[in-house]
């Protein structure tokens, strides 16, 4: 019996309908993809900061 919490309410995952289980799988997939995209965004933002700094250096501006 695995309990899951949705909007503050607990549900027994063993008692979910097949449709509910499918939607739960979809939700988990989307949450996982969001996590990957957030990690990728953090990498890209860091790279952008490095490029801005390099550009300023190339332009002779103080950093």
PDB file of N, CA and C in Angstrom:
ATOM      1  N   UNK A   1       0.854  -1.182   0.000  1.00  0.00           N
ATOM      2  CA  UNK A   1       0.000   0.000   0.000  1.00  0.00           C
ATOM      3  C   UNK A   1       0.891   1.232   0.000  1.00  0.00           C
ATOM      4  N   UNK A   2       0.932   1.917  -1.112  1.00  0.00           N
ATOM      5  CA  UNK A   2       1.695   3.152  -1.216  1.00  0.00           C
ATOM      6  C   UNK A   2       0.714   4.321  -1.214  1.00  0.00           C
ATOM      7  N   UNK A   3       0.956   5.236  -0.312  1.00  0.00           N
ATOM      8  CA  UNK A   3       0.086   6.405  -0.219  1.00  0.00           C
ATOM      9  C   UNK A   3       0.693   7.535  -1.041  1.00  0.00           C
ATOM     10  N   UNK A   4      -0.166   8.239  -1.746  1.00  0.00           N
ATOM     11  CA  UNK A   4       0.260   9.428  -2.469  1.00  0.00           C
ATOM     12  C   UNK A   4      -0.598  10.585  -1.981  1.00  0.00           C
ATOM     13  N   UNK A   5      -0.013  11.777  -2.018  1.00  0.00           N
ATOM     14  CA  UNK A   5      -0.734  12.958  -1.551  1.00  0.00           C
ATOM     15  C   UNK A   5      -0.946  13.891  -2.738  1.00  0.00           C
ATOM     16  N   UNK A   6      -2.199  14.266  -2.952  1.00  0.00           N
ATOM     17  CA  UNK A   6      -2.559  15.184  -4.020  1.00  0.00           C
ATOM     18  C   UNK A   6      -3.397  16.293  -3.402  1.00  0.00           C
ATOM     19  N   UNK A   7      -2.875  17.514  -3.512  1.00  0.00           N
ATOM     20  CA  UNK A   7      -3.560  18.684  -2.938  1.00  0.00           C
ATOM     21  C   UNK A   7      -3.929  18.472  -1.473  1.00  0.00           C
ATOM     22  N   UNK A   8      -2.996  17.875  -0.732  1.00  0.00           N
ATOM     23  CA  UNK A   8      -3.179  17.701   0.701  1.00  0.00           C
ATOM     24  C   UNK A   8      -4.025  16.507   1.113  1.00  0.00           C
ATOM     25  N   UNK A   9      -4.508  15.748   0.143  1.00  0.00           N
ATOM     26  CA  UNK A   9      -5.347  14.589   0.457  1.00  0.00           C
ATOM     27  C   UNK A   9      -4.581  13.313   0.118  1.00  0.00           C
ATOM     28  N   UNK A  10      -4.627  12.323   1.024  1.00  0.00           N
ATOM     29  CA  UNK A  10      -3.930  11.057   0.835  1.00  0.00           C
ATOM     30  C   UNK A  10      -4.806  10.060   0.073  1.00  0.00           C
ATOM     31  N   UNK A  11      -4.143   9.320  -0.837  1.00  0.00           N
ATOM     32  CA  UNK A  11      -4.819   8.281  -1.605  1.00  0.00           C
ATOM     33  C   UNK A  11      -3.963   7.019  -1.563  1.00  0.00           C
ATOM     34  N   UNK A  12      -4.617   5.873  -1.495  1.00  0.00           N
ATOM     35  CA  UNK A  12      -3.929   4.590  -1.571  1.00  0.00           C
ATOM     36  C   UNK A  12      -3.759   4.264  -3.054  1.00  0.00           C
ATOM     37  N   UNK A  13      -2.510   4.235  -3.524  1.00  0.00           N
ATOM     38  CA  UNK A  13      -2.272   4.031  -4.956  1.00  0.00           C
ATOM     39  C   UNK A  13      -2.748   2.662  -5.431  1.00  0.00           C
ATOM     40  N   UNK A  14      -2.822   1.689  -4.527  1.00  0.00           N
ATOM     41  CA  UNK A  14      -3.307   0.353  -4.904  1.00  0.00           C
ATOM     42  C   UNK A  14      -4.804   0.354  -5.214  1.00  0.00           C
ATOM     43  N   UNK A  15      -5.501   1.352  -4.728  1.00  0.00           N
ATOM     44  CA  UNK A  15      -6.950   1.400  -4.918  1.00  0.00           C
ATOM     45  C   UNK A  15      -7.380   2.358  -6.025  1.00  0.00           C
ATOM     46  N   UNK A  16      -6.415   2.939  -6.727  1.00  0.00           N
ATOM     47  CA  UNK A  16      -6.760   3.859  -7.809  1.00  0.00           C
ATOM     48  C   UNK A  16      -7.283   3.094  -9.018  1.00  0.00           C
ATOM     49  N   UNK A  17      -8.171   3.733  -9.753  1.00  0.00           N
ATOM     50  CA  UNK A  17      -8.658   3.128 -10.997  1.00  0.00           C
ATOM     51  C   UNK A  17      -7.525   3.124 -12.020  1.00  0.00           C
ATOM     52  N   UNK A  18      -7.684   2.348 -13.072  1.00  0.00           N
ATOM     53  CA  UNK A  18      -6.673   2.311 -14.128  1.00  0.00           C
ATOM     54  C   UNK A  18      -6.481   3.692 -14.751  1.00  0.00           C
ATOM     55  N   UNK A  19      -7.584   4.415 -14.924  1.00  0.00           N
ATOM     56  CA  UNK A  19      -7.497   5.760 -15.486  1.00  0.00           C
ATOM     57  C   UNK A  19      -6.728   6.682 -14.545  1.00  0.00           C
ATOM     58  N   UNK A  20      -6.972   6.587 -13.250  1.00  0.00           N
ATOM     59  CA  UNK A  20      -6.260   7.405 -12.270  1.00  0.00           C
ATOM     60  C   UNK A  20      -4.772   7.056 -12.254  1.00  0.00           C
ATOM     61  N   UNK A  21      -4.463   5.771 -12.351  1.00  0.00           N
ATOM     62  CA  UNK A  21      -3.058   5.343 -12.387  1.00  0.00           C
ATOM     63  C   UNK A  21      -2.356   5.889 -13.626  1.00  0.00           C
ATOM     64  N   UNK A  22      -3.062   5.882 -14.751  1.00  0.00           N
ATOM     65  CA  UNK A  22      -2.484   6.422 -15.982  1.00  0.00           C
ATOM     66  C   UNK A  22      -2.208   7.914 -15.837  1.00  0.00           C
ATOM     67  N   UNK A  23      -3.148   8.637 -15.234  1.00  0.00           N
ATOM     68  CA  UNK A  23      -2.953  10.071 -15.052  1.00  0.00           C
ATOM     69  C   UNK A  23      -1.811  10.347 -14.067  1.00  0.00           C
ATOM     70  N   UNK A  24      -1.692   9.502 -13.060  1.00  0.00           N
ATOM     71  CA  UNK A  24      -0.597   9.637 -12.101  1.00  0.00           C
ATOM     72  C   UNK A  24       0.739   9.422 -12.801  1.00  0.00           C
ATOM     73  N   UNK A  25       0.805   8.424 -13.685  1.00  0.00           N
ATOM     74  CA  UNK A  25       2.030   8.199 -14.452  1.00  0.00           C
ATOM     75  C   UNK A  25       2.349   9.397 -15.340  1.00  0.00           C
ATOM     76  N   UNK A  26       1.322   9.981 -15.962  1.00  0.00           N
ATOM     77  CA  UNK A  26       1.516  11.175 -16.788  1.00  0.00           C
ATOM     78  C   UNK A  26       2.052  12.329 -15.941  1.00  0.00           C
ATOM     79  N   UNK A  27       1.475  12.501 -14.773  1.00  0.00           N
ATOM     80  CA  UNK A  27       1.899  13.570 -13.873  1.00  0.00           C
ATOM     81  C   UNK A  27       3.348  13.383 -13.444  1.00  0.00           C
ATOM     82  N   UNK A  28       3.723  12.158 -13.107  1.00  0.00           N
ATOM     83  CA  UNK A  28       5.106  11.885 -12.707  1.00  0.00           C
ATOM     84  C   UNK A  28       6.069  12.143 -13.855  1.00  0.00           C
ATOM     85  N   UNK A  29       5.677  11.759 -15.079  1.00  0.00           N
ATOM     86  CA  UNK A  29       6.515  12.003 -16.252  1.00  0.00           C
ATOM     87  C   UNK A  29       6.725  13.503 -16.452  1.00  0.00           C
ATOM     88  N   UNK A  30       5.627  14.253 -16.389  1.00  0.00           N
ATOM     89  CA  UNK A  30       5.711  15.705 -16.595  1.00  0.00           C
ATOM     90  C   UNK A  30       6.560  16.357 -15.507  1.00  0.00           C
ATOM     91  N   UNK A  31       6.371  15.951 -14.255  1.00  0.00           N
ATOM     92  CA  UNK A  31       7.179  16.503 -13.164  1.00  0.00           C
ATOM     93  C   UNK A  31       8.656  16.210 -13.380  1.00  0.00           C
ATOM     94  N   UNK A  32       8.968  15.010 -13.855  1.00  0.00           N
ATOM     95  CA  UNK A  32      10.348  14.643 -14.141  1.00  0.00           C
ATOM     96  C   UNK A  32      10.923  15.503 -15.264  1.00  0.00           C
ATOM     97  N   UNK A  33      10.142  15.707 -16.318  1.00  0.00           N
ATOM     98  CA  UNK A  33      10.588  16.542 -17.436  1.00  0.00           C
ATOM     99  C   UNK A  33      10.799  17.992 -16.989  1.00  0.00           C
ATOM    100  N   UNK A  34       9.911  18.504 -16.154  1.00  0.00           N
ATOM    101  CA  UNK A  34      10.065  19.862 -15.625  1.00  0.00           C
ATOM    102  C   UNK A  34      11.373  19.969 -14.846  1.00  0.00           C
ATOM    103  N   UNK A  35      11.680  18.970 -14.048  1.00  0.00           N
ATOM    104  CA  UNK A  35      12.937  18.961 -13.302  1.00  0.00           C
ATOM    105  C   UNK A  35      14.140  19.003 -14.224  1.00  0.00           C
ATOM    106  N   UNK A  36      14.092  18.207 -15.298  1.00  0.00           N
ATOM    107  CA  UNK A  36      15.192  18.216 -16.265  1.00  0.00           C
ATOM    108  C   UNK A  36      15.332  19.583 -16.932  1.00  0.00           C
ATOM    109  N   UNK A  37      14.213  20.168 -17.304  1.00  0.00           N
ATOM    110  CA  UNK A  37      14.250  21.479 -17.954  1.00  0.00           C
ATOM    111  C   UNK A  37      14.753  22.567 -17.000  1.00  0.00           C
ATOM    112  N   UNK A  38      14.368  22.482 -15.738  1.00  0.00           N
ATOM    113  CA  UNK A  38      14.860  23.462 -14.768  1.00  0.00           C
ATOM    114  C   UNK A  38      16.364  23.338 -14.592  1.00  0.00           C
ATOM    115  N   UNK A  39      16.869  22.115 -14.575  1.00  0.00           N
ATOM    116  CA  UNK A  39      18.315  21.911 -14.469  1.00  0.00           C
ATOM    117  C   UNK A  39      19.016  22.441 -15.713  1.00  0.00           C
ATOM    118  N   UNK A  40      18.442  22.192 -16.867  1.00  0.00           N
ATOM    119  CA  UNK A  40      19.021  22.692 -18.117  1.00  0.00           C
ATOM    120  C   UNK A  40      18.999  24.221 -18.138  1.00  0.00           C
ATOM    121  N   UNK A  41      17.927  24.803 -17.664  1.00  0.00           N
ATOM    122  CA  UNK A  41      17.817  26.265 -17.608  1.00  0.00           C
ATOM    123  C   UNK A  41      18.895  26.848 -16.705  1.00  0.00           C
ATOM    124  N   UNK A  42      19.170  26.215 -15.591  1.00  0.00           N
ATOM    125  CA  UNK A  42      20.212  26.697 -14.684  1.00  0.00           C
ATOM    126  C   UNK A  42      21.570  26.674 -15.372  1.00  0.00           C
ATOM    127  N   UNK A  43      21.832  25.621 -16.126  1.00  0.00           N
ATOM    128  CA  UNK A  43      23.102  25.533 -16.866  1.00  0.00           C
ATOM    129  C   UNK A  43      23.181  26.635 -17.912  1.00  0.00           C
ATOM    130  N   UNK A  44      22.094  26.841 -18.635  1.00  0.00           N
ATOM    131  CA  UNK A  44      22.085  27.870 -19.674  1.00  0.00           C
ATOM    132  C   UNK A  44      22.222  29.271 -19.094  1.00  0.00           C
ATOM    133  N   UNK A  45      21.600  29.535 -17.957  1.00  0.00           N
ATOM    134  CA  UNK A  45      21.730  30.848 -17.327  1.00  0.00           C
ATOM    135  C   UNK A  45      23.167  31.088 -16.869  1.00  0.00           C
ATOM    136  N   UNK A  46      23.811  30.044 -16.356  1.00  0.00           N
ATOM    137  CA  UNK A  46      25.207  30.169 -15.949  1.00  0.00           C
ATOM    138  C   UNK A  46      26.080  30.444 -17.162  1.00  0.00           C
ATOM    139  N   UNK A  47      25.859  29.710 -18.247  1.00  0.00           N
ATOM    140  CA  UNK A  47      26.630  29.932 -19.476  1.00  0.00           C
ATOM    141  C   UNK A  47      26.419  31.349 -19.997  1.00  0.00           C
ATOM    142  N   UNK A  48      25.196  31.841 -19.926  1.00  0.00           N
ATOM    143  CA  UNK A  48      24.912  33.192 -20.399  1.00  0.00           C
ATOM    144  C   UNK A  48      25.704  34.218 -19.597  1.00  0.00           C
ATOM    145  N   UNK A  49      25.763  34.033 -18.292  1.00  0.00           N
ATOM    146  CA  UNK A  49      26.532  34.961 -17.452  1.00  0.00           C
ATOM    147  C   UNK A  49      28.007  34.966 -17.851  1.00  0.00           C
ATOM    148  N   UNK A  50      28.532  33.786 -18.161  1.00  0.00           N
ATOM    149  CA  UNK A  50      29.935  33.690 -18.585  1.00  0.00           C
ATOM    150  C   UNK A  50      30.127  34.421 -19.908  1.00  0.00           C
ATOM    151  N   UNK A  51      29.195  34.252 -20.851  1.00  0.00           N
ATOM    152  CA  UNK A  51      29.309  34.913 -22.141  1.00  0.00           C
ATOM    153  C   UNK A  51      29.186  36.432 -22.011  1.00  0.00           C
ATOM    154  N   UNK A  52      28.314  36.896 -21.144  1.00  0.00           N
ATOM    155  CA  UNK A  52      28.181  38.338 -20.917  1.00  0.00           C
ATOM    156  C   UNK A  52      29.490  38.890 -20.354  1.00  0.00           C
ATOM    157  N   UNK A  53      30.054  38.177 -19.412  1.00  0.00           N
ATOM    158  CA  UNK A  53      31.322  38.606 -18.821  1.00  0.00           C
ATOM    159  C   UNK A  53      32.433  38.638 -19.878  1.00  0.00           C
ATOM    160  N   UNK A  54      32.492  37.613 -20.715  1.00  0.00           N
ATOM    161  CA  UNK A  54      33.497  37.561 -21.776  1.00  0.00           C
ATOM    162  C   UNK A  54      33.301  38.692 -22.772  1.00  0.00           C
ATOM    163  N   UNK A  55      32.058  38.998 -23.090  1.00  0.00           N
ATOM    164  CA  UNK A  55      31.772  40.104 -24.012  1.00  0.00           C
ATOM    165  C   UNK A  55      32.224  41.417 -23.426  1.00  0.00           C
ATOM    166  N   UNK A  56      31.901  41.645 -22.149  1.00  0.00           N
ATOM    167  CA  UNK A  56      32.317  42.881 -21.502  1.00  0.00           C
ATOM    168  C   UNK A  56      33.833  43.004 -21.502  1.00  0.00           C
ATOM    169  N   UNK A  57      34.520  41.891 -21.247  1.00  0.00           N
ATOM    170  CA  UNK A  57      35.986  41.900 -21.290  1.00  0.00           C
ATOM    171  C   UNK A  57      36.478  42.254 -22.665  1.00  0.00           C
ATOM    172  N   UNK A  58      35.874  41.657 -23.704  1.00  0.00           N
ATOM    173  CA  UNK A  58      36.266  41.920 -25.077  1.00  0.00           C
ATOM    174  C   UNK A  58      36.005  43.358 -25.479  1.00  0.00           C
ATOM    175  N   UNK A  59      35.009  43.982 -24.868  1.00  0.00           N
ATOM    176  CA  UNK A  59      34.684  45.382 -25.165  1.00  0.00           C
ATOM    177  C   UNK A  59      35.509  46.340 -24.304  1.00  0.00           C
ATOM    178  N   UNK A  60      36.284  45.787 -23.406  1.00  0.00           N
ATOM    179  CA  UNK A  60      37.104  46.630 -22.533  1.00  0.00           C
ATOM    180  C   UNK A  60      36.325  47.280 -21.405  1.00  0.00           C
ATOM    181  N   UNK A  61      35.161  46.747 -21.102  1.00  0.00           N
ATOM    182  CA  UNK A  61      34.350  47.319 -20.025  1.00  0.00           C
ATOM    183  C   UNK A  61      34.755  46.684 -18.696  1.00  0.00           C
ATOM    184  N   UNK A  62      34.608  47.449 -17.612  1.00  0.00           N
ATOM    185  CA  UNK A  62      34.882  46.859 -16.303  1.00  0.00           C
ATOM    186  C   UNK A  62      33.867  45.775 -15.977  1.00  0.00           C
ATOM    187  N   UNK A  63      34.330  44.789 -15.256  1.00  0.00           N
ATOM    188  CA  UNK A  63      33.432  43.657 -14.936  1.00  0.00           C
ATOM    189  C   UNK A  63      32.844  43.824 -13.555  1.00  0.00           C
TER     190      UNK A  63
END
